[in-house]
Amino acid sequence: MTRSDLVARLAERFSQLTQRDAEFAVKTILDGMSEALARGHRIEIRGFGSFSISRRPPRKGRNPRSGEQVLIPEKLVPHFKPGKALREAVDAHADAPDALPLTIPTNNS
């Protein structure tokens, strides 16, 4: 699913939202998540999963063209860990591939 698919689904599912409002909502949420991760915060969405920052230590690599060793600096990268409900939904859905769309159960419904 792409970002535009998500916007289209939101606008379709919630008739009170225009396509433009759905686009703004998705952009606002994703921007907020990106900013929080950039500041080093952890994001947890119950029933879906959590996003955190992982540290990749510096290491030695090789330049594929010349074969010379290169020092690759430390990196901070986003990491996603799926929640139990998402893992179970994906696993259950894997048994029935024709059963689209995938829905994740929430405590609110």
N, C-alpha and C. Protein backbone atom coordinates (compact mmCIF):
# COMPACT_ATOMS: atom_id res chain seq x y z
N MET A 1 0.85 -1.17 0.00
CA MET A 1 0.00 0.00 0.00
C MET A 1 0.89 1.24 0.00
N THR A 2 0.57 2.17 -0.86
CA THR A 2 1.32 3.41 -0.92
C THR A 2 0.61 4.49 -0.12
N ARG A 3 1.27 5.61 0.04
CA ARG A 3 0.69 6.72 0.78
C ARG A 3 -0.61 7.18 0.11
N SER A 4 -0.61 7.26 -1.21
CA SER A 4 -1.82 7.70 -1.92
C SER A 4 -2.94 6.67 -1.79
N ASP A 5 -2.59 5.37 -1.71
CA ASP A 5 -3.61 4.34 -1.46
C ASP A 5 -4.24 4.53 -0.09
N LEU A 6 -3.41 4.85 0.90
CA LEU A 6 -3.90 5.08 2.26
C LEU A 6 -4.84 6.28 2.29
N VAL A 7 -4.46 7.35 1.62
CA VAL A 7 -5.31 8.54 1.56
C VAL A 7 -6.64 8.21 0.90
N ALA A 8 -6.60 7.47 -0.20
CA ALA A 8 -7.83 7.09 -0.91
C ALA A 8 -8.72 6.22 -0.03
N ARG A 9 -8.13 5.27 0.70
CA ARG A 9 -8.92 4.42 1.59
C ARG A 9 -9.56 5.20 2.72
N LEU A 10 -8.82 6.14 3.29
CA LEU A 10 -9.39 6.97 4.36
C LEU A 10 -10.56 7.78 3.85
N ALA A 11 -10.38 8.43 2.70
CA ALA A 11 -11.45 9.25 2.13
C ALA A 11 -12.67 8.40 1.78
N GLU A 12 -12.43 7.18 1.33
CA GLU A 12 -13.51 6.26 0.97
C GLU A 12 -14.25 5.76 2.22
N ARG A 13 -13.49 5.42 3.25
CA ARG A 13 -14.08 4.83 4.46
C ARG A 13 -14.82 5.87 5.30
N PHE A 14 -14.30 7.09 5.34
CA PHE A 14 -14.92 8.16 6.12
C PHE A 14 -15.46 9.21 5.16
N SER A 15 -16.74 9.11 4.85
CA SER A 15 -17.34 9.97 3.82
C SER A 15 -17.30 11.44 4.18
N GLN A 16 -17.20 11.77 5.47
CA GLN A 16 -17.13 13.17 5.87
C GLN A 16 -15.78 13.81 5.55
N LEU A 17 -14.77 12.98 5.23
CA LEU A 17 -13.44 13.48 4.86
C LEU A 17 -13.33 13.63 3.35
N THR A 18 -12.86 14.78 2.92
CA THR A 18 -12.57 14.94 1.50
C THR A 18 -11.19 14.32 1.25
N GLN A 19 -10.88 14.14 0.00
CA GLN A 19 -9.56 13.61 -0.38
C GLN A 19 -8.46 14.52 0.17
N ARG A 20 -8.70 15.81 0.11
CA ARG A 20 -7.72 16.79 0.60
C ARG A 20 -7.54 16.68 2.11
N ASP A 21 -8.66 16.51 2.85
CA ASP A 21 -8.58 16.37 4.31
C ASP A 21 -7.85 15.09 4.70
N ALA A 22 -8.12 14.00 3.97
CA ALA A 22 -7.45 12.73 4.24
C ALA A 22 -5.95 12.86 3.97
N GLU A 23 -5.58 13.53 2.90
CA GLU A 23 -4.16 13.76 2.58
C GLU A 23 -3.49 14.56 3.69
N PHE A 24 -4.17 15.60 4.18
CA PHE A 24 -3.63 16.43 5.25
C PHE A 24 -3.46 15.61 6.54
N ALA A 25 -4.44 14.76 6.85
CA ALA A 25 -4.36 13.93 8.06
C ALA A 25 -3.18 12.97 7.99
N VAL A 26 -3.02 12.29 6.86
CA VAL A 26 -1.92 11.34 6.70
C VAL A 26 -0.59 12.07 6.77
N LYS A 27 -0.48 13.22 6.09
CA LYS A 27 0.76 13.99 6.11
C LYS A 27 1.10 14.45 7.52
N THR A 28 0.11 14.92 8.26
CA THR A 28 0.34 15.40 9.62
C THR A 28 0.82 14.28 10.53
N ILE A 29 0.20 13.12 10.43
CA ILE A 29 0.60 11.98 11.27
C ILE A 29 2.02 11.53 10.93
N LEU A 30 2.31 11.36 9.65
CA LEU A 30 3.64 10.90 9.25
C LEU A 30 4.72 11.92 9.58
N ASP A 31 4.42 13.21 9.41
CA ASP A 31 5.39 14.25 9.77
C ASP A 31 5.65 14.24 11.27
N GLY A 32 4.60 14.08 12.06
CA GLY A 32 4.76 14.02 13.51
C GLY A 32 5.60 12.83 13.94
N MET A 33 5.36 11.69 13.31
CA MET A 33 6.14 10.50 13.64
C MET A 33 7.61 10.70 13.25
N SER A 34 7.85 11.27 12.07
CA SER A 34 9.22 11.51 11.61
C SER A 34 9.96 12.46 12.55
N GLU A 35 9.28 13.52 12.97
CA GLU A 35 9.89 14.49 13.88
C GLU A 35 10.22 13.85 15.23
N ALA A 36 9.30 13.03 15.74
CA ALA A 36 9.53 12.37 17.03
C ALA A 36 10.73 11.43 16.94
N LEU A 37 10.82 10.66 15.89
CA LEU A 37 11.97 9.76 15.72
C LEU A 37 13.26 10.54 15.55
N ALA A 38 13.22 11.64 14.82
CA ALA A 38 14.41 12.46 14.62
C ALA A 38 14.91 13.03 15.95
N ARG A 39 14.00 13.28 16.89
CA ARG A 39 14.38 13.77 18.21
C ARG A 39 14.80 12.64 19.15
N GLY A 40 14.72 11.39 18.66
CA GLY A 40 15.15 10.25 19.47
C GLY A 40 14.06 9.62 20.30
N HIS A 41 12.82 10.02 20.10
CA HIS A 41 11.71 9.46 20.86
C HIS A 41 11.28 8.11 20.30
N ARG A 42 10.59 7.36 21.11
CA ARG A 42 10.02 6.07 20.71
C ARG A 42 8.53 6.28 20.48
N ILE A 43 7.99 5.62 19.47
CA ILE A 43 6.56 5.73 19.16
C ILE A 43 5.94 4.36 19.33
N GLU A 44 4.87 4.29 20.10
CA GLU A 44 4.17 3.01 20.29
C GLU A 44 2.71 3.18 19.92
N ILE A 45 2.25 2.35 19.01
CA ILE A 45 0.84 2.35 18.60
C ILE A 45 0.30 0.99 19.01
N ARG A 46 -0.48 0.95 20.07
CA ARG A 46 -0.98 -0.31 20.62
C ARG A 46 -1.71 -1.12 19.56
N GLY A 47 -1.41 -2.40 19.50
CA GLY A 47 -2.04 -3.29 18.55
C GLY A 47 -1.40 -3.25 17.16
N PHE A 48 -0.54 -2.28 16.92
CA PHE A 48 0.12 -2.17 15.61
C PHE A 48 1.60 -2.45 15.75
N GLY A 49 2.29 -1.65 16.55
CA GLY A 49 3.71 -1.86 16.74
C GLY A 49 4.40 -0.63 17.29
N SER A 50 5.71 -0.69 17.35
CA SER A 50 6.47 0.45 17.88
C SER A 50 7.63 0.77 16.95
N PHE A 51 7.94 2.05 16.92
CA PHE A 51 9.06 2.56 16.14
C PHE A 51 10.09 3.10 17.13
N SER A 52 11.33 2.81 16.89
CA SER A 52 12.39 3.31 17.75
C SER A 52 13.62 3.56 16.88
N ILE A 53 14.64 4.10 17.51
CA ILE A 53 15.89 4.37 16.81
C ILE A 53 16.92 3.33 17.25
N SER A 54 17.57 2.69 16.30
CA SER A 54 18.64 1.73 16.58
C SER A 54 19.97 2.32 16.15
N ARG A 55 21.01 1.96 16.87
CA ARG A 55 22.35 2.44 16.56
C ARG A 55 23.10 1.35 15.79
N ARG A 56 23.64 1.72 14.65
CA ARG A 56 24.52 0.82 13.91
C ARG A 56 25.95 1.28 14.19
N PRO A 57 26.74 0.45 14.82
CA PRO A 57 28.10 0.87 15.16
C PRO A 57 28.96 1.08 13.92
N PRO A 58 30.05 1.83 14.06
CA PRO A 58 30.95 2.00 12.92
C PRO A 58 31.58 0.65 12.54
N ARG A 59 31.88 0.50 11.27
CA ARG A 59 32.45 -0.77 10.82
C ARG A 59 33.34 -0.53 9.61
N LYS A 60 34.08 -1.55 9.27
CA LYS A 60 34.93 -1.47 8.08
C LYS A 60 34.21 -2.14 6.91
N GLY A 61 34.22 -1.49 5.79
CA GLY A 61 33.63 -2.04 4.58
C GLY A 61 34.65 -1.98 3.45
N ARG A 62 34.21 -2.39 2.29
CA ARG A 62 35.09 -2.37 1.12
C ARG A 62 34.43 -1.59 0.00
N ASN A 63 35.23 -0.80 -0.69
CA ASN A 63 34.80 -0.12 -1.89
C ASN A 63 34.72 -1.19 -2.98
N PRO A 64 33.53 -1.44 -3.54
CA PRO A 64 33.40 -2.53 -4.51
C PRO A 64 34.21 -2.29 -5.80
N ARG A 65 34.45 -1.06 -6.13
CA ARG A 65 35.19 -0.75 -7.36
C ARG A 65 36.69 -0.98 -7.20
N SER A 66 37.24 -0.48 -6.09
CA SER A 66 38.70 -0.58 -5.92
C SER A 66 39.12 -1.68 -4.96
N GLY A 67 38.20 -2.17 -4.14
CA GLY A 67 38.54 -3.19 -3.16
C GLY A 67 39.20 -2.63 -1.92
N GLU A 68 39.40 -1.33 -1.87
CA GLU A 68 40.08 -0.70 -0.72
C GLU A 68 39.13 -0.64 0.48
N GLN A 69 39.69 -0.78 1.68
CA GLN A 69 38.89 -0.73 2.90
C GLN A 69 38.44 0.70 3.16
N VAL A 70 37.19 0.82 3.63
CA VAL A 70 36.60 2.11 3.93
C VAL A 70 35.97 2.03 5.31
N LEU A 71 36.13 3.09 6.12
CA LEU A 71 35.49 3.14 7.43
C LEU A 71 34.08 3.68 7.24
N ILE A 72 33.09 2.90 7.64
CA ILE A 72 31.69 3.31 7.55
C ILE A 72 31.32 3.84 8.93
N PRO A 73 30.90 5.11 9.02
CA PRO A 73 30.62 5.71 10.33
C PRO A 73 29.36 5.15 10.98
N GLU A 74 29.22 5.43 12.28
CA GLU A 74 28.03 5.04 13.04
C GLU A 74 26.80 5.68 12.41
N LYS A 75 25.69 4.94 12.45
CA LYS A 75 24.43 5.46 11.92
C LYS A 75 23.32 5.20 12.93
N LEU A 76 22.37 6.11 12.96
CA LEU A 76 21.14 5.91 13.72
C LEU A 76 20.05 5.65 12.70
N VAL A 77 19.36 4.51 12.82
CA VAL A 77 18.35 4.12 11.84
C VAL A 77 17.03 3.81 12.53
N PRO A 78 15.90 4.11 11.87
CA PRO A 78 14.60 3.76 12.44
C PRO A 78 14.41 2.24 12.43
N HIS A 79 13.73 1.74 13.46
CA HIS A 79 13.47 0.31 13.59
C HIS A 79 12.00 0.14 13.94
N PHE A 80 11.32 -0.80 13.27
CA PHE A 80 9.91 -1.09 13.54
C PHE A 80 9.78 -2.48 14.13
N LYS A 81 9.05 -2.59 15.22
CA LYS A 81 8.77 -3.88 15.82
C LYS A 81 7.25 -4.05 15.84
N PRO A 82 6.73 -5.02 15.07
CA PRO A 82 5.27 -5.19 15.02
C PRO A 82 4.72 -5.65 16.36
N GLY A 83 3.50 -5.21 16.66
CA GLY A 83 2.82 -5.62 17.87
C GLY A 83 2.21 -7.00 17.71
N LYS A 84 1.78 -7.56 18.81
CA LYS A 84 1.23 -8.92 18.81
C LYS A 84 0.01 -9.04 17.90
N ALA A 85 -0.90 -8.07 17.96
CA ALA A 85 -2.11 -8.13 17.14
C ALA A 85 -1.77 -8.10 15.65
N LEU A 86 -0.80 -7.28 15.27
CA LEU A 86 -0.39 -7.21 13.86
C LEU A 86 0.26 -8.52 13.42
N ARG A 87 1.14 -9.06 14.25
CA ARG A 87 1.80 -10.34 13.91
C ARG A 87 0.75 -11.43 13.73
N GLU A 88 -0.22 -11.50 14.65
CA GLU A 88 -1.26 -12.54 14.57
C GLU A 88 -2.14 -12.33 13.34
N ALA A 89 -2.48 -11.08 13.03
CA ALA A 89 -3.33 -10.80 11.87
C ALA A 89 -2.62 -11.18 10.57
N VAL A 90 -1.33 -10.87 10.49
CA VAL A 90 -0.56 -11.21 9.29
C VAL A 90 -0.43 -12.72 9.17
N ASP A 91 -0.17 -13.39 10.29
CA ASP A 91 -0.03 -14.84 10.28
C ASP A 91 -1.34 -15.51 9.88
N ALA A 92 -2.45 -15.04 10.43
CA ALA A 92 -3.76 -15.62 10.09
C ALA A 92 -4.10 -15.34 8.63
N HIS A 93 -3.71 -14.18 8.16
CA HIS A 93 -3.99 -13.80 6.77
C HIS A 93 -3.14 -14.60 5.78
N ALA A 94 -1.98 -15.03 6.21
CA ALA A 94 -1.10 -15.82 5.34
C ALA A 94 -1.73 -17.17 5.00
N ASP A 95 -2.59 -17.67 5.87
CA ASP A 95 -3.25 -18.95 5.62
C ASP A 95 -4.36 -18.82 4.58
N ALA A 96 -4.91 -17.61 4.40
CA ALA A 96 -6.00 -17.39 3.45
C ALA A 96 -5.65 -16.22 2.55
N PRO A 97 -4.82 -16.42 1.50
CA PRO A 97 -4.34 -15.31 0.67
C PRO A 97 -5.42 -14.58 -0.11
N ASP A 98 -6.59 -15.18 -0.32
CA ASP A 98 -7.64 -14.51 -1.08
C ASP A 98 -8.53 -13.65 -0.21
N ALA A 99 -8.28 -13.61 1.08
CA ALA A 99 -9.14 -12.90 2.02
C ALA A 99 -8.70 -11.45 2.20
N LEU A 100 -8.76 -10.64 1.16
CA LEU A 100 -8.42 -9.22 1.26
C LEU A 100 -9.64 -8.43 1.69
N PRO A 101 -9.59 -7.30 2.31
CA PRO A 101 -8.40 -6.64 2.83
C PRO A 101 -8.06 -7.12 4.23
N LEU A 102 -6.82 -6.96 4.60
CA LEU A 102 -6.34 -7.31 5.93
C LEU A 102 -6.83 -6.27 6.93
N THR A 103 -7.49 -6.70 7.98
CA THR A 103 -7.92 -5.79 9.03
C THR A 103 -7.28 -6.21 10.33
N ILE A 104 -6.86 -5.23 11.10
CA ILE A 104 -6.19 -5.49 12.36
C ILE A 104 -7.20 -5.21 13.47
N PRO A 105 -7.48 -6.20 14.33
CA PRO A 105 -8.44 -5.98 15.39
C PRO A 105 -7.90 -4.97 16.40
N THR A 106 -8.82 -4.10 16.88
CA THR A 106 -8.45 -3.13 17.90
C THR A 106 -9.34 -3.34 19.10
N ASN A 107 -8.95 -2.76 20.21
CA ASN A 107 -9.75 -2.87 21.43
C ASN A 107 -10.98 -1.99 21.38
N ASN A 108 -10.99 -1.00 20.47
CA ASN A 108 -12.09 -0.07 20.37
C ASN A 108 -13.29 -0.62 19.62
N SER A 109 -13.13 -1.69 18.84
CA SER A 109 -14.25 -2.20 18.04
C SER A 109 -14.83 -3.45 18.58
